[in-house]
Protein backbone atom coordinates (compact mmCIF):
# COMPACT_ATOMS: atom_id res chain seq x y z
CA MET A 1 27.21 14.50 -6.53
CA THR A 2 27.09 16.47 -3.25
CA ALA A 3 24.34 18.97 -2.78
CA PRO A 4 25.16 22.41 -1.35
CA SER A 5 23.67 23.06 2.06
CA PRO A 6 20.37 24.89 1.80
CA THR A 7 20.28 28.36 3.30
CA THR A 8 17.51 29.65 5.48
CA ARG A 9 15.35 32.19 3.76
CA THR A 10 11.93 33.71 4.26
CA VAL A 11 9.51 34.37 1.42
CA PRO A 12 6.13 36.02 2.01
CA GLY A 13 3.44 33.35 2.29
CA ARG A 14 6.01 30.56 2.67
CA ARG A 15 7.38 28.82 5.71
CA PRO A 16 11.15 29.33 6.17
CA ARG A 17 13.37 26.54 4.85
CA ARG A 18 15.31 24.54 7.40
CA ARG A 19 18.34 22.37 7.25
CA ARG A 20 17.38 18.71 7.13
CA GLY A 21 18.14 17.02 10.39
CA ARG A 22 16.90 19.81 12.65
CA ARG A 23 13.71 19.15 14.52
CA ARG A 24 10.85 21.21 13.17
CA SER A 25 8.86 23.27 15.62
CA ALA A 26 5.13 22.79 15.85
CA GLY A 27 3.76 25.28 13.72
CA ARG A 28 -13.26 7.68 -4.41
CA PRO A 29 -8.10 9.84 -4.82
CA ARG A 30 -10.36 7.74 -7.04
CA TRP A 31 -9.06 4.20 -6.74
CA GLY A 32 -5.46 4.53 -7.93
CA LEU A 33 -4.78 7.90 -6.41
CA ARG A 34 -3.72 6.64 -3.00
CA VAL A 35 -1.01 4.64 -4.78
CA SER A 36 -0.16 7.55 -7.07
CA ALA A 37 0.26 9.98 -4.22
CA ALA A 38 2.48 7.70 -2.19
CA ALA A 39 4.56 6.78 -5.23
CA THR A 40 5.05 10.45 -6.11
CA ALA A 41 6.22 11.32 -2.59
CA LEU A 42 8.68 8.43 -2.54
CA LEU A 43 9.88 8.89 -6.10
CA LEU A 44 10.65 12.57 -5.61
CA SER A 45 12.71 11.76 -2.54
CA ALA A 46 14.56 8.73 -3.88
CA SER A 47 16.91 9.90 -6.63
CA GLY A 48 20.59 10.64 -6.19
CA VAL A 49 20.46 13.88 -8.14
CA GLY A 50 21.99 17.19 -7.20
CA HIS A 51 20.52 20.50 -6.20
CA ALA A 52 20.90 22.08 -9.64
CA MET A 53 18.91 19.28 -11.27
CA VAL A 54 16.01 19.30 -8.84
CA THR A 55 15.75 23.09 -8.88
CA GLY A 56 14.23 22.71 -12.34
CA VAL A 57 11.93 20.01 -11.03
CA GLU A 58 10.75 22.33 -8.26
CA THR A 59 9.46 24.92 -10.72
CA GLY A 60 7.12 22.34 -12.30
CA ILE A 61 5.15 21.77 -9.09
CA GLY A 62 1.85 23.59 -8.61
CA ARG A 63 1.56 25.32 -5.25
CA VAL A 64 -1.13 25.38 -2.57
CA ASP A 65 -1.12 26.98 0.87
CA ALA A 66 -1.97 23.95 2.97
CA PHE A 67 -0.83 25.40 6.31
CA GLN A 68 -2.52 28.80 6.21
CA GLY A 69 -3.37 30.21 9.65
CA MET A 70 -2.71 26.90 11.43
CA SER A 71 -1.97 26.87 15.17
CA ASP A 72 -2.20 24.43 18.07
CA ARG A 73 -0.46 21.76 16.02
CA PRO A 74 1.10 18.48 17.24
CA GLY A 75 4.79 18.71 18.01
CA ALA A 76 7.13 17.61 15.26
CA GLY A 77 8.87 14.29 15.79
CA ALA A 78 11.79 12.59 14.10
CA GLY A 79 11.54 11.81 10.41
CA LEU A 80 9.42 13.51 7.78
CA THR A 81 5.68 13.02 7.21
CA PHE A 82 3.69 13.85 4.07
CA LEU A 83 -0.08 14.02 3.81
CA VAL A 84 -0.84 12.87 0.28
CA VAL A 85 -4.29 13.21 -1.22
CA GLY A 86 -5.72 12.41 -4.61
CA THR A 87 -8.27 14.02 -6.84
CA ASP A 88 -10.05 12.53 -9.82
CA GLY A 89 -8.96 15.30 -12.19
CA ARG A 90 -8.60 13.94 -15.71
CA ASP A 91 -8.54 17.10 -17.80
CA LYS A 92 -5.20 16.19 -19.39
CA LEU A 93 -6.30 12.74 -20.50
CA THR A 94 -7.56 12.29 -24.03
CA ASP A 95 -11.10 11.13 -24.78
CA GLU A 96 -9.61 7.91 -26.14
CA GLU A 97 -7.74 7.27 -22.86
CA LYS A 98 -10.89 7.91 -20.85
CA ARG A 99 -12.86 5.42 -22.92
CA LYS A 100 -10.11 2.82 -23.01
CA TYR A 101 -9.57 2.81 -19.25
CA HIS A 102 -13.23 3.25 -18.20
CA LEU A 103 -12.84 6.78 -16.81
CA GLY A 104 -16.27 8.03 -17.79
CA GLY A 105 -18.37 10.61 -16.00
CA ASP A 106 -17.56 14.10 -14.82
CA PRO A 107 -14.71 14.50 -12.33
CA CYS A 108 -15.72 15.82 -8.93
CA HIS A 109 -12.27 17.30 -8.13
CA CYS A 110 -12.62 15.91 -4.63
CA THR A 111 -10.59 13.63 -2.41
CA ASP A 112 -11.60 10.03 -2.00
CA THR A 113 -8.79 8.65 0.18
CA LEU A 114 -5.89 10.19 2.05
CA MET A 115 -2.56 8.72 3.07
CA LEU A 116 0.21 9.50 5.51
CA VAL A 117 3.69 8.74 4.15
CA HIS A 118 6.35 8.80 6.86
CA LEU A 119 10.05 8.74 5.94
CA ALA A 120 12.20 7.65 8.88
CA ALA A 121 14.88 9.98 10.22
CA ASP A 122 17.60 7.63 8.97
CA ARG A 123 15.87 7.53 5.54
CA ARG A 124 15.98 3.73 5.55
CA ARG A 125 12.24 3.14 5.91
CA ALA A 126 8.99 4.53 4.54
CA SER A 127 5.66 3.83 6.23
CA VAL A 128 2.46 4.31 4.23
CA VAL A 129 -0.84 4.48 6.16
CA SER A 130 -4.18 4.68 4.33
CA LEU A 131 -6.92 6.76 5.95
CA PRO A 132 -10.34 5.42 4.85
CA ARG A 133 -12.40 8.03 3.01
CA ASP A 134 -15.57 7.25 4.99
CA SER A 135 -13.90 7.65 8.39
CA TYR A 136 -16.01 9.45 11.00
CA ALA A 137 -14.26 12.77 11.67
CA GLU A 138 -14.79 16.00 13.54
CA VAL A 139 -13.36 19.06 11.80
CA PRO A 140 -12.03 21.83 14.04
CA ALA A 141 -13.79 25.19 14.24
CA HIS A 142 -12.67 27.27 11.26
CA GLN A 143 -13.34 30.24 9.01
CA ASP A 144 -14.01 29.63 5.34
CA ALA A 145 -12.73 31.62 2.37
CA GLU A 146 -15.71 33.97 2.55
CA GLY A 147 -15.09 34.82 6.19
CA ARG A 148 -17.89 32.74 7.69
CA ARG A 149 -17.20 30.96 10.98
CA HIS A 150 -17.99 27.25 11.35
CA PRO A 151 -18.05 25.49 14.73
CA ARG A 152 -16.49 22.11 15.27
CA HIS A 153 -18.74 19.47 13.70
CA ALA A 154 -18.87 15.89 12.45
CA LEU A 155 -18.47 14.76 8.84
CA LYS A 156 -16.76 12.11 6.75
CA LEU A 157 -13.01 12.59 6.48
CA ASN A 158 -13.01 13.06 2.71
CA ALA A 159 -15.55 15.89 3.05
CA ALA A 160 -13.03 18.12 4.86
CA TYR A 161 -11.42 18.99 1.52
CA ALA A 162 -14.71 20.03 -0.07
CA GLU A 163 -15.57 22.19 2.94
CA GLY A 164 -12.24 23.85 3.66
CA GLY A 165 -9.67 22.74 1.10
CA PRO A 166 -6.16 21.47 1.86
CA SER A 167 -5.77 23.53 5.05
CA LEU A 168 -8.86 22.08 6.75
CA THR A 169 -7.88 18.62 5.55
CA VAL A 170 -4.44 18.94 7.15
CA ARG A 171 -5.91 20.31 10.39
CA THR A 172 -8.47 17.49 10.58
CA VAL A 173 -5.91 14.74 9.98
CA GLU A 174 -3.50 16.20 12.53
CA HIS A 175 -6.34 16.47 15.06
CA MET A 176 -7.40 12.84 14.51
CA THR A 177 -3.92 11.27 14.44
CA GLY A 178 -1.74 13.51 16.58
CA VAL A 179 0.88 13.27 13.81
CA HIS A 180 2.63 16.49 12.71
CA ILE A 181 2.44 16.88 8.92
CA ASP A 182 5.55 18.38 7.33
CA HIS A 183 4.43 18.53 3.70
CA TYR A 184 1.27 18.23 1.62
CA LEU A 185 1.10 16.62 -1.84
CA GLU A 186 -1.93 16.39 -4.13
CA VAL A 187 -2.04 14.33 -7.34
CA ASP A 188 -4.58 13.08 -9.89
CA PHE A 189 -5.19 10.36 -12.48
CA THR A 190 -2.80 11.91 -14.95
CA SER A 191 0.10 11.79 -12.50
CA PHE A 192 -0.48 8.14 -11.76
CA MET A 193 -0.61 7.01 -15.37
CA ARG A 194 2.32 9.13 -16.50
CA THR A 195 4.50 7.89 -13.61
CA VAL A 196 4.03 4.26 -14.59
CA ASP A 197 4.62 4.94 -18.28
CA ALA A 198 7.72 7.01 -17.52
CA VAL A 199 9.44 4.10 -15.76
CA GLY A 200 8.56 1.71 -18.60
CA GLY A 201 5.67 -0.11 -16.93
CA VAL A 202 5.46 -2.25 -13.81
CA ASP A 203 5.48 -6.05 -13.51
CA LEU A 204 2.58 -7.63 -11.59
CA CYS A 205 1.80 -11.32 -11.18
CA THR A 206 -1.36 -13.11 -10.22
CA VAL A 207 -2.05 -16.79 -9.66
CA ARG A 208 -5.46 -16.57 -11.34
CA PRO A 209 -6.99 -14.42 -14.08
CA LEU A 210 -8.41 -11.07 -12.94
CA LYS A 211 -11.28 -9.61 -14.95
CA ASP A 212 -13.49 -6.70 -13.90
CA PRO A 213 -15.97 -5.21 -16.40
CA TYR A 214 -16.37 -2.11 -14.23
CA SER A 215 -12.72 -1.02 -14.35
CA GLY A 216 -11.89 -2.82 -17.61
CA LEU A 217 -9.17 -4.91 -15.96
CA ASP A 218 -8.37 -8.12 -17.85
CA LEU A 219 -5.18 -9.87 -16.68
CA PRO A 220 -4.21 -13.49 -17.35
CA ALA A 221 -2.69 -15.70 -14.68
CA GLY A 222 1.06 -15.22 -14.41
CA THR A 223 3.21 -12.13 -14.81
CA SER A 224 2.14 -9.10 -16.84
CA ARG A 225 3.84 -5.77 -17.47
CA LEU A 226 1.24 -3.05 -16.95
CA ASN A 227 1.33 0.35 -18.60
CA GLY A 228 -0.11 3.40 -16.87
CA GLY A 229 -3.71 2.83 -17.90
CA GLN A 230 -3.65 -0.87 -17.06
CA ALA A 231 -2.06 -0.09 -13.69
CA LEU A 232 -4.89 2.32 -12.96
CA GLN A 233 -7.40 -0.42 -13.78
CA TYR A 234 -5.57 -2.84 -11.47
CA VAL A 235 -5.51 -0.59 -8.41
CA ARG A 236 -9.09 0.68 -8.79
CA THR A 237 -10.73 -2.70 -9.38
CA ARG A 238 -13.01 -4.03 -6.64
CA HIS A 239 -15.19 -6.60 -8.39
CA VAL A 240 -12.81 -9.53 -8.94
CA ASP A 241 -13.67 -11.25 -5.64
CA ALA A 242 -15.75 -10.88 -2.51
CA SER A 243 -13.12 -8.87 -0.63
CA ALA A 244 -14.21 -5.58 -2.27
CA ASP A 245 -12.41 -2.64 -0.65
CA LEU A 246 -10.10 -4.83 1.45
CA GLY A 247 -8.88 -6.69 -1.61
CA ARG A 248 -8.51 -3.43 -3.51
CA MET A 249 -6.38 -1.99 -0.71
CA GLN A 250 -4.14 -5.05 -0.72
CA ARG A 251 -3.72 -4.84 -4.49
CA GLN A 252 -2.80 -1.18 -4.17
CA GLN A 253 -0.15 -2.06 -1.60
CA ARG A 254 1.24 -4.77 -3.84
CA PHE A 255 1.32 -2.42 -6.78
CA LEU A 256 3.12 0.34 -4.89
CA ALA A 257 5.74 -2.16 -3.70
CA ALA A 258 6.19 -3.37 -7.29
CA LEU A 259 6.47 0.22 -8.55
CA LEU A 260 9.17 1.00 -5.99
CA HIS A 261 11.01 -2.16 -7.04
CA ARG A 262 10.78 -1.10 -10.67
CA ILE A 263 12.10 2.38 -9.91
CA ALA A 264 14.96 1.01 -7.80
CA SER A 265 15.98 -1.67 -10.33
CA SER A 266 15.59 0.28 -13.58
CA GLY A 267 18.48 2.70 -13.06
CA VAL A 268 16.23 5.76 -12.63
CA LEU A 269 17.63 6.57 -9.19
CA MET A 270 21.27 6.62 -10.30
CA ASN A 271 20.81 8.56 -13.52
CA PRO A 272 20.12 12.31 -13.07
CA VAL A 273 18.88 12.78 -16.63
CA ARG A 274 16.61 9.74 -16.45
CA PHE A 275 15.25 10.86 -13.08
CA LYS A 276 14.42 14.31 -14.39
CA GLU A 277 12.56 12.76 -17.34
CA VAL A 278 10.46 10.69 -14.96
CA ALA A 279 9.85 13.59 -12.59
CA ASP A 280 8.89 15.95 -15.41
CA ALA A 281 6.35 13.38 -16.63
CA VAL A 282 4.36 13.56 -13.40
CA LEU A 283 4.87 17.00 -11.90
CA THR A 284 2.43 18.77 -14.19
CA SER A 285 -0.31 16.99 -12.23
CA VAL A 286 1.13 17.58 -8.73
CA ARG A 287 0.42 20.35 -6.24
CA ALA A 288 2.47 20.78 -3.07
CA ASP A 289 2.72 23.13 -0.12
CA ALA A 290 4.83 26.25 -0.64
CA GLY A 291 7.60 24.98 1.63
CA PHE A 292 8.30 21.83 -0.38
CA GLY A 293 11.20 22.63 -2.66
CA ALA A 294 14.58 21.78 -4.13
CA SER A 295 16.38 21.60 -0.81
CA ASP A 296 13.88 19.01 0.45
CA LEU A 297 14.32 16.93 -2.70
CA THR A 298 18.11 17.12 -2.58
CA ASP A 299 18.51 16.31 1.11
CA LEU A 300 16.17 13.34 0.86
CA ALA A 301 17.72 12.14 -2.38
CA GLN A 302 21.21 11.89 -0.89
CA ALA A 303 19.89 9.65 1.89
CA MET A 304 17.62 7.34 -0.13
CA ARG A 305 19.64 5.89 -2.97
CA GLY A 306 19.26 2.40 -1.53
CA PHE A 307 15.50 2.58 -1.04
CA GLY A 308 13.50 -0.42 -2.27
CA PRO A 309 10.59 -2.75 -1.43
CA ALA A 310 12.29 -4.10 1.71
CA SER A 311 12.39 -0.55 3.04
CA SER A 312 8.66 0.04 2.72
CA GLU A 313 5.71 -0.94 4.88
CA PHE A 314 1.98 -0.50 4.37
CA ALA A 315 -1.06 -0.34 6.65
CA SER A 316 -4.58 1.02 6.85
CA VAL A 317 -6.13 2.47 9.98
CA PRO A 318 -7.59 -0.33 12.15
CA LEU A 319 -11.37 -0.02 12.30
CA ARG A 320 -13.88 -0.66 15.08
CA GLY A 321 -16.38 -3.16 13.73
CA GLU A 322 -18.42 -2.74 10.58
CA ALA A 323 -19.61 0.45 8.90
CA GLU A 324 -22.54 2.15 10.60
CA ASN A 325 -25.14 4.61 9.43
CA VAL A 326 -24.75 8.02 11.09
CA PRO A 327 -27.68 10.46 10.71
CA GLY A 328 -26.73 13.24 8.34
CA LEU A 329 -23.51 11.50 7.25
CA GLY A 330 -24.58 8.13 5.90
CA SER A 331 -22.41 5.03 6.06
CA THR A 332 -19.24 5.71 8.06
CA VAL A 333 -16.45 3.73 9.69
CA ARG A 334 -14.89 4.50 13.05
CA TRP A 335 -11.28 3.93 13.99
CA ASP A 336 -10.40 1.35 16.62
CA PRO A 337 -9.89 3.28 19.90
CA VAL A 338 -6.93 1.10 20.96
CA ARG A 339 -5.13 -0.08 17.83
CA ALA A 340 -5.41 3.14 15.80
CA PRO A 341 -3.67 5.31 18.44
CA ARG A 342 -0.96 2.65 18.70
CA LEU A 343 -0.35 2.90 14.95
CA PHE A 344 -0.08 6.69 14.99
CA ARG A 345 2.14 6.59 18.08
CA ALA A 346 4.58 4.45 16.10
CA LEU A 347 4.68 7.11 13.36
CA ARG A 348 5.21 9.91 15.87
CA GLU A 349 8.02 7.97 17.53
CA ASP A 350 9.60 7.06 14.18
CA ARG A 351 9.23 3.33 14.82
CA PRO A 352 8.43 0.56 12.28
CA ILE A 353 4.77 -0.39 11.95
CA ALA A 354 5.45 -3.87 10.51
CA VAL A 355 7.69 -6.76 11.47
CA HIS A 356 10.95 -6.41 9.53
CA GLN A 357 12.90 -9.63 9.32
CA GLY A 358 15.50 -8.70 6.75
CA ARG A 359 15.33 -10.41 3.40
CA ALA A 360 12.00 -12.21 2.97
CA THR A 361 12.12 -15.99 2.66
CA PRO A 362 11.22 -16.97 -0.92
CA ALA A 363 7.78 -18.56 -0.99
CA THR A 364 5.45 -19.89 -3.65
CA VAL A 365 2.49 -17.56 -4.20
CA VAL A 366 -0.90 -19.28 -3.89
CA ASP A 367 -4.45 -18.23 -4.55
CA VAL A 368 -6.03 -19.13 -1.20
CA PRO A 369 -4.27 -17.93 1.99
CA PRO A 370 -2.93 -21.02 3.78
CA GLU A 371 -4.60 -20.04 7.06
CA ARG A 372 -7.95 -20.63 5.32
CA VAL A 373 -7.03 -24.21 4.32
CA ARG A 374 -7.78 -26.97 6.85
CA VAL A 375 -5.52 -30.02 6.63
CA ARG A 376 -5.23 -33.47 8.20
CA VAL A 377 -2.05 -35.50 7.65
CA ASP A 378 -1.72 -39.31 7.55
CA ASN A 379 1.53 -41.27 7.30
CA GLY A 380 1.68 -43.61 4.29
CA THR A 381 5.28 -44.68 4.93
CA GLY A 382 7.10 -46.71 7.56
CA ARG A 383 9.03 -43.64 8.77
CA ARG A 384 8.07 -43.09 12.41
CA GLY A 385 6.85 -39.58 13.25
CA LEU A 386 6.72 -38.41 9.64
CA ALA A 387 3.05 -37.36 9.77
CA ALA A 388 3.72 -35.27 12.89
CA ARG A 389 6.70 -33.61 11.20
CA VAL A 390 4.71 -32.76 8.07
CA THR A 391 1.90 -31.40 10.22
CA ARG A 392 4.34 -29.09 12.03
CA GLU A 393 5.89 -27.90 8.76
CA LEU A 394 2.50 -27.22 7.14
CA HIS A 395 1.42 -25.33 10.25
CA ALA A 396 4.65 -23.31 10.16
CA THR A 397 3.91 -22.08 6.64
CA GLY A 398 0.41 -21.04 7.68
CA PHE A 399 -1.98 -23.96 7.08
CA ALA A 400 -4.74 -24.70 9.59
CA THR A 401 -3.77 -28.23 10.58
CA ALA A 402 -6.65 -30.21 12.06
CA ASP A 403 -6.82 -33.37 14.20
CA ALA A 404 -3.86 -35.44 15.34
CA PRO A 405 -1.64 -37.00 12.65
CA ALA A 406 -2.07 -40.77 12.21
CA ASP A 407 -0.96 -43.72 10.11
CA SER A 408 -2.80 -44.17 6.83
CA ALA A 409 -5.53 -46.80 6.83
CA LEU A 410 -4.62 -47.55 3.20
CA GLY A 411 -1.17 -48.88 4.04
CA ALA A 412 2.04 -48.00 2.19
CA ALA A 413 1.74 -45.13 -0.29
CA PRO A 414 4.37 -44.71 -3.03
CA ARG A 415 3.23 -41.12 -3.73
CA THR A 416 2.05 -38.22 -1.60
CA VAL A 417 -1.67 -37.65 -2.22
CA VAL A 418 -3.93 -34.69 -1.45
CA SER A 419 -7.52 -35.88 -1.21
CA TYR A 420 -10.07 -33.06 -1.49
CA ASP A 421 -13.70 -32.24 -2.09
CA PRO A 422 -14.04 -30.68 -5.59
CA ARG A 423 -15.96 -27.77 -4.05
CA TRP A 424 -12.67 -26.69 -2.43
CA ASP A 425 -10.44 -27.18 -5.47
CA ARG A 426 -8.69 -23.79 -5.11
CA SER A 427 -7.73 -24.66 -1.54
CA ALA A 428 -6.45 -28.04 -2.71
CA ARG A 429 -4.19 -26.42 -5.33
CA SER A 430 -2.80 -24.04 -2.72
CA LEU A 431 -2.00 -26.99 -0.45
CA ALA A 432 -0.45 -29.00 -3.29
CA ALA A 433 1.93 -26.08 -3.96
CA ALA A 434 3.40 -26.72 -0.51
CA LEU A 435 3.90 -30.42 -1.30
CA PRO A 436 5.93 -30.60 -4.54
CA GLY A 437 4.99 -33.64 -6.62
CA ALA A 438 1.83 -34.42 -4.66
CA GLU A 439 -1.08 -35.99 -6.56
CA LEU A 440 -4.44 -34.21 -6.35
CA ARG A 441 -7.26 -36.75 -5.91
CA PRO A 442 -10.90 -35.51 -5.85
CA ALA A 443 -13.23 -37.09 -3.27
CA SER A 444 -16.82 -35.87 -3.49
CA GLY A 445 -18.50 -35.30 -0.15
CA GLN A 446 -15.26 -35.15 1.84
CA GLY A 447 -16.00 -31.64 3.06
CA PRO A 448 -13.68 -28.65 3.62
CA VAL A 449 -10.81 -30.53 5.30
CA MET A 450 -7.97 -31.52 2.95
CA ARG A 451 -6.49 -34.99 3.65
CA VAL A 452 -2.78 -35.50 2.98
CA THR A 453 -1.34 -39.00 2.80
CA VAL A 454 2.43 -38.70 2.95
CA GLY A 455 4.06 -41.10 0.50
CA ALA A 456 7.53 -42.53 -0.04
CA ASP A 457 8.35 -39.74 -2.51
CA PHE A 458 7.96 -36.98 0.13
CA ARG A 459 10.97 -34.64 0.25
CA GLY A 460 9.74 -31.70 2.32
CA VAL A 461 7.25 -28.85 2.67
CA ARG A 462 7.69 -25.74 0.55
CA ALA A 463 6.88 -22.33 2.03
CA VAL A 464 3.83 -20.65 0.49
CA ARG A 465 2.08 -17.34 0.98
CA ALA A 466 -1.09 -15.71 -0.23
CA GLU A 467 -1.06 -13.48 -3.29
CA GLU A 468 -2.50 -10.76 -1.06
CA PRO A 469 -0.75 -11.34 2.28
CA THR A 470 -2.41 -10.74 5.63
CA PRO A 471 -0.60 -9.01 8.49
CA ALA A 472 1.41 -11.14 10.89
CA PRO A 473 -0.15 -11.76 14.33
CA GLY A 474 0.85 -9.14 16.88
CA THR A 475 1.71 -6.46 14.33
CA LEU A 476 -0.09 -3.18 13.78
CA GLY A 477 -1.90 -4.58 10.75
CA ALA A 478 0.99 -3.77 8.43
CA ILE A 479 3.00 -5.63 5.81
CA THR A 480 6.43 -4.92 4.35
CA GLY A 481 7.09 -4.23 0.70
CA ASP A 482 8.92 -7.55 0.39
CA GLN A 483 5.75 -9.32 1.52
CA ALA A 484 3.72 -7.46 -1.08
CA VAL A 485 6.02 -8.08 -4.07
CA CYS A 486 5.10 -11.22 -5.97
CA ARG A 487 8.09 -13.58 -6.37
């Protein structure tokens, strides 16, 4: 279906519509909301539906003037950038849903985290950058709704919304990043849950059980199909390990990649009726700027039919050290003065923020990241140089190989053996996954270094990766959707 070209028109209080392709002139979401907002932005721009279909979708979106009275803005670059924010509104959830998914307490109707979602000019890539809620920020001088003037002053980034609404939030983010924001989207809990349910749930896998009494999450090891409420529990949980917010961010990235995969593989994008059903399920909880309409949806839809996990990349703003206590603000984090500008420069210049290497090499998912596992390799066969080869292959898949390889003092070994201290049993299992058929042999008091004796049955090293992957060295702290999807 080919969409008719949008015409330029001016409506009081709205920015004029433009043809896609022209350069534009400068002119706690609690837990799951960062994922919800990004998913909404990508979902609405990913279906191959026509203008007539999305016109009905447009009327279901609540409106907010996010660009009122704005001037001195960054110049628009190539591509299209959304600022997506979340609120903890839960008015449309039933009391039973609130109890079931641990959504107690009164909503604050505030923002907790913000995200930039950048769609490349060729519509073949989407970059999602999380902006930490406790970031140290300076809001520009502004006038509030009651006409009072406020000078430029410091606050936490998420407080800009409470002080000056969407417009001050947009101005603050543009000031901090230098990135021109084309559209503003705001979503809440309801949107997130309904989106997941509308696509029939999302498949997530984990190598170990995940249980968090605070969020109510209770997942077994292996693959589970999560409904909307369970998905919300998964992306908001922060008490399943010591990684806290970092681990939660990585789980959110993995979930968004899995949701995009589900949308792309379920037929939603190629079925106009199905797409409209999904869109209608979420748009009652979405607010957007007045200029975001049917023509935007149609133009983007025609270009993004092939969008999927390999097309997506995820990052959070690099930080400078640990959180610090700022008088009057409390605990805040500051952005790295070198790496953060580099990240935003990539968005402005429409460049990838992660290393894209085409189709990801299949790898076994392990619990402990291989770079945290120290390994020494001994040769238990008569094959010259085998220990050195295994050491190189283990290092190539990420393991921290230690000491020089040597011949085994125990002589010929019929089987490959991983000797380990029981205190590091999770690390041992992650290493054994890279050595198919290897025998795990506990050795109390051995310490943190795993000892591999290569036996006659050795056939090769299998690639492994962490369940929550870390960025590749030299990148901008970003991962691709293929890296985040569990295989």
